[in-house]
Amino acid sequence: MEDNRVVKVFLDDDPVPFAEFAPPVKFVLDTTRIPDGKHRLKIVAKSTDNVEGVRTIPFEVRNGPAIAVVGLEENEVVNDHVPLTINAYGSERRDIFVVTGSETPKAVPSWVWALLIAFAGFALFYLIMYLSPGLYKSFV
């Protein structure tokens, strides 16, 4: 029996495969040649009986710098002036890494403030109780 198994690899909706192999396959997908954004890898495999199997894998390429925005969420309703903090950072391996601060500054979460206020309130209560022994009542 002739071995006519083949694996074809397509990118997005391109009708021409960018790679064609005999199984088993090991190859490196070079994303530096693919533009940033969402893509689909479509793998079509043909068995010795000429039966085809298809697998589609969606993925996202981001070779450019990552962009972080603080102050505006997706689909958020806003009005008046909106202060934004925008940072773009990538994996430039040629640069020397020197820590100068947080890359993406974020506000302290509100639950941390609530815990801090509750702790301070309890500390103040016990301080007042400690300094005012007349507030204690004896049951004897």
Protein backbone atom coordinates (compact mmCIF):
# COMPACT_ATOMS: atom_id res chain seq x y z
CA MET A 1 0.00 0.00 0.00
CA GLU A 2 1.33 3.40 -0.97
CA ASP A 3 1.85 5.96 1.81
CA ASN A 4 0.14 9.09 0.53
CA ARG A 5 -0.36 10.74 3.92
CA VAL A 6 0.13 14.49 3.86
CA VAL A 7 -0.29 17.40 6.26
CA LYS A 8 -0.98 20.86 4.82
CA VAL A 9 -0.79 24.01 6.93
CA PHE A 10 -2.77 27.11 5.95
CA LEU A 11 -2.76 30.58 7.50
CA ASP A 12 -6.06 32.45 7.76
CA ASP A 13 -8.13 32.18 4.55
CA ASP A 14 -5.22 31.65 2.16
CA PRO A 15 -6.16 28.86 -0.32
CA VAL A 16 -2.50 27.97 -0.84
CA PRO A 17 -0.78 26.14 2.05
CA PHE A 18 2.39 27.76 3.36
CA ALA A 19 3.76 24.35 4.37
CA GLU A 20 3.23 20.75 3.31
CA PHE A 21 4.72 17.77 5.15
CA ALA A 22 4.59 14.00 5.47
CA PRO A 23 3.56 13.03 9.02
CA PRO A 24 4.80 13.08 11.73
CA VAL A 25 5.56 16.81 11.57
CA LYS A 26 7.72 19.09 13.71
CA PHE A 27 8.20 22.64 12.50
CA VAL A 28 8.68 26.14 13.88
CA LEU A 29 6.04 28.77 13.10
CA ASP A 30 7.90 32.04 12.52
CA THR A 31 5.50 34.71 13.78
CA THR A 32 7.91 37.53 12.91
CA ARG A 33 6.70 37.23 9.31
CA ILE A 34 3.02 37.44 10.31
CA PRO A 35 1.42 40.82 11.03
CA ASP A 36 0.22 41.48 14.58
CA GLY A 37 -3.42 40.62 15.24
CA LYS A 38 -5.78 37.66 15.28
CA HIS A 39 -5.10 34.77 12.91
CA ARG A 40 -6.19 31.19 12.27
CA LEU A 41 -3.97 28.21 11.62
CA LYS A 42 -5.78 25.58 9.58
CA ILE A 43 -4.26 22.10 9.41
CA VAL A 44 -5.55 19.63 6.86
CA ALA A 45 -4.30 16.04 7.13
CA LYS A 46 -4.96 13.30 4.60
CA SER A 47 -4.78 9.62 5.59
CA THR A 48 -3.63 6.72 3.45
CA ASP A 49 -7.31 6.11 2.57
CA ASN A 50 -7.57 9.71 1.27
CA VAL A 51 -9.83 10.74 4.15
CA GLU A 52 -9.23 14.34 5.23
CA GLY A 53 -9.27 15.72 8.76
CA VAL A 54 -9.30 19.44 9.50
CA ARG A 55 -8.27 21.29 12.65
CA THR A 56 -8.47 25.06 13.06
CA ILE A 57 -6.53 26.84 15.81
CA PRO A 58 -7.17 30.56 16.41
CA PHE A 59 -4.25 32.54 17.82
CA GLU A 60 -3.05 36.10 18.20
CA VAL A 61 0.35 37.45 17.18
CA ARG A 62 1.87 40.29 19.15
CA ASN A 63 5.46 40.85 18.16
CA GLY A 64 5.14 44.60 18.61
CA PRO A 65 5.11 46.30 21.99
CA ALA A 66 2.34 45.52 24.45
CA ILE A 67 0.12 48.52 25.07
CA ALA A 68 -1.36 49.10 28.51
CA VAL A 69 -4.03 51.75 29.09
CA VAL A 70 -5.06 52.81 32.59
CA GLY A 71 -8.19 54.94 32.89
CA LEU A 72 -10.40 53.50 30.15
CA GLU A 73 -11.87 50.01 29.88
CA GLU A 74 -13.36 48.37 26.80
CA ASN A 75 -16.95 49.45 26.06
CA GLU A 76 -16.92 51.87 29.01
CA VAL A 77 -19.34 54.79 28.97
CA VAL A 78 -17.47 58.04 29.66
CA ASN A 79 -18.20 61.76 29.76
CA ASP A 80 -16.28 65.00 30.20
CA HIS A 81 -12.48 64.69 30.44
CA VAL A 82 -10.94 61.23 30.89
CA PRO A 83 -7.34 61.12 32.17
CA LEU A 84 -5.42 58.24 30.60
CA THR A 85 -2.05 56.64 31.25
CA ILE A 86 -0.69 54.81 28.21
CA ASN A 87 2.43 52.67 28.26
CA ALA A 88 3.98 50.58 25.51
CA TYR A 89 6.67 48.07 26.32
CA GLY A 90 8.08 45.13 24.46
CA SER A 91 10.71 42.49 24.75
CA GLU A 92 13.63 44.37 23.26
CA ARG A 93 16.43 41.99 24.06
CA ARG A 94 19.12 44.42 22.85
CA ASP A 95 18.47 46.89 25.66
CA ILE A 96 19.98 46.75 29.12
CA PHE A 97 17.23 46.34 31.68
CA VAL A 98 17.36 48.94 34.41
CA VAL A 99 14.56 49.06 36.94
CA THR A 100 13.36 52.64 37.26
CA GLY A 101 9.85 52.02 38.55
CA SER A 102 6.67 50.25 37.71
CA GLU A 103 6.09 49.85 33.98
CA THR A 104 2.34 50.23 34.30
CA PRO A 105 1.30 52.25 37.34
CA LYS A 106 -2.06 51.25 38.76
CA ALA A 107 -4.16 52.68 41.54
CA VAL A 108 -4.43 50.94 44.92
CA PRO A 109 -7.56 48.72 44.87
CA SER A 110 -10.52 49.98 46.88
CA TRP A 111 -10.68 46.81 49.01
CA VAL A 112 -7.18 47.62 50.33
CA TRP A 113 -8.38 51.06 51.40
CA ALA A 114 -11.45 49.51 53.09
CA LEU A 115 -9.26 47.06 55.05
CA LEU A 116 -6.89 49.85 56.05
CA ILE A 117 -9.75 52.04 57.32
CA ALA A 118 -11.31 49.10 59.22
CA PHE A 119 -7.97 48.26 60.84
CA ALA A 120 -7.39 51.89 61.83
CA GLY A 121 -10.93 52.06 63.27
CA PHE A 122 -10.42 48.98 65.44
CA ALA A 123 -6.99 50.24 66.55
CA LEU A 124 -8.50 53.59 67.57
CA PHE A 125 -11.33 51.84 69.45
CA TYR A 126 -8.95 49.67 71.47
CA LEU A 127 -6.65 52.65 72.14
CA ILE A 128 -9.57 54.64 73.56
CA MET A 129 -10.68 51.68 75.67
CA TYR A 130 -7.11 51.20 76.97
CA LEU A 131 -6.64 54.87 77.89
CA SER A 132 -10.07 55.13 79.59
CA PRO A 133 -10.22 52.41 82.28
CA GLY A 134 -13.47 53.92 83.60
CA LEU A 135 -15.26 52.50 80.59
CA TYR A 136 -14.63 48.96 81.85
CA LYS A 137 -17.32 47.51 84.11
CA SER A 138 -16.64 44.91 86.72
CA PHE A 139 -19.13 42.13 87.44
CA VAL A 140 -17.84 41.56 91.03
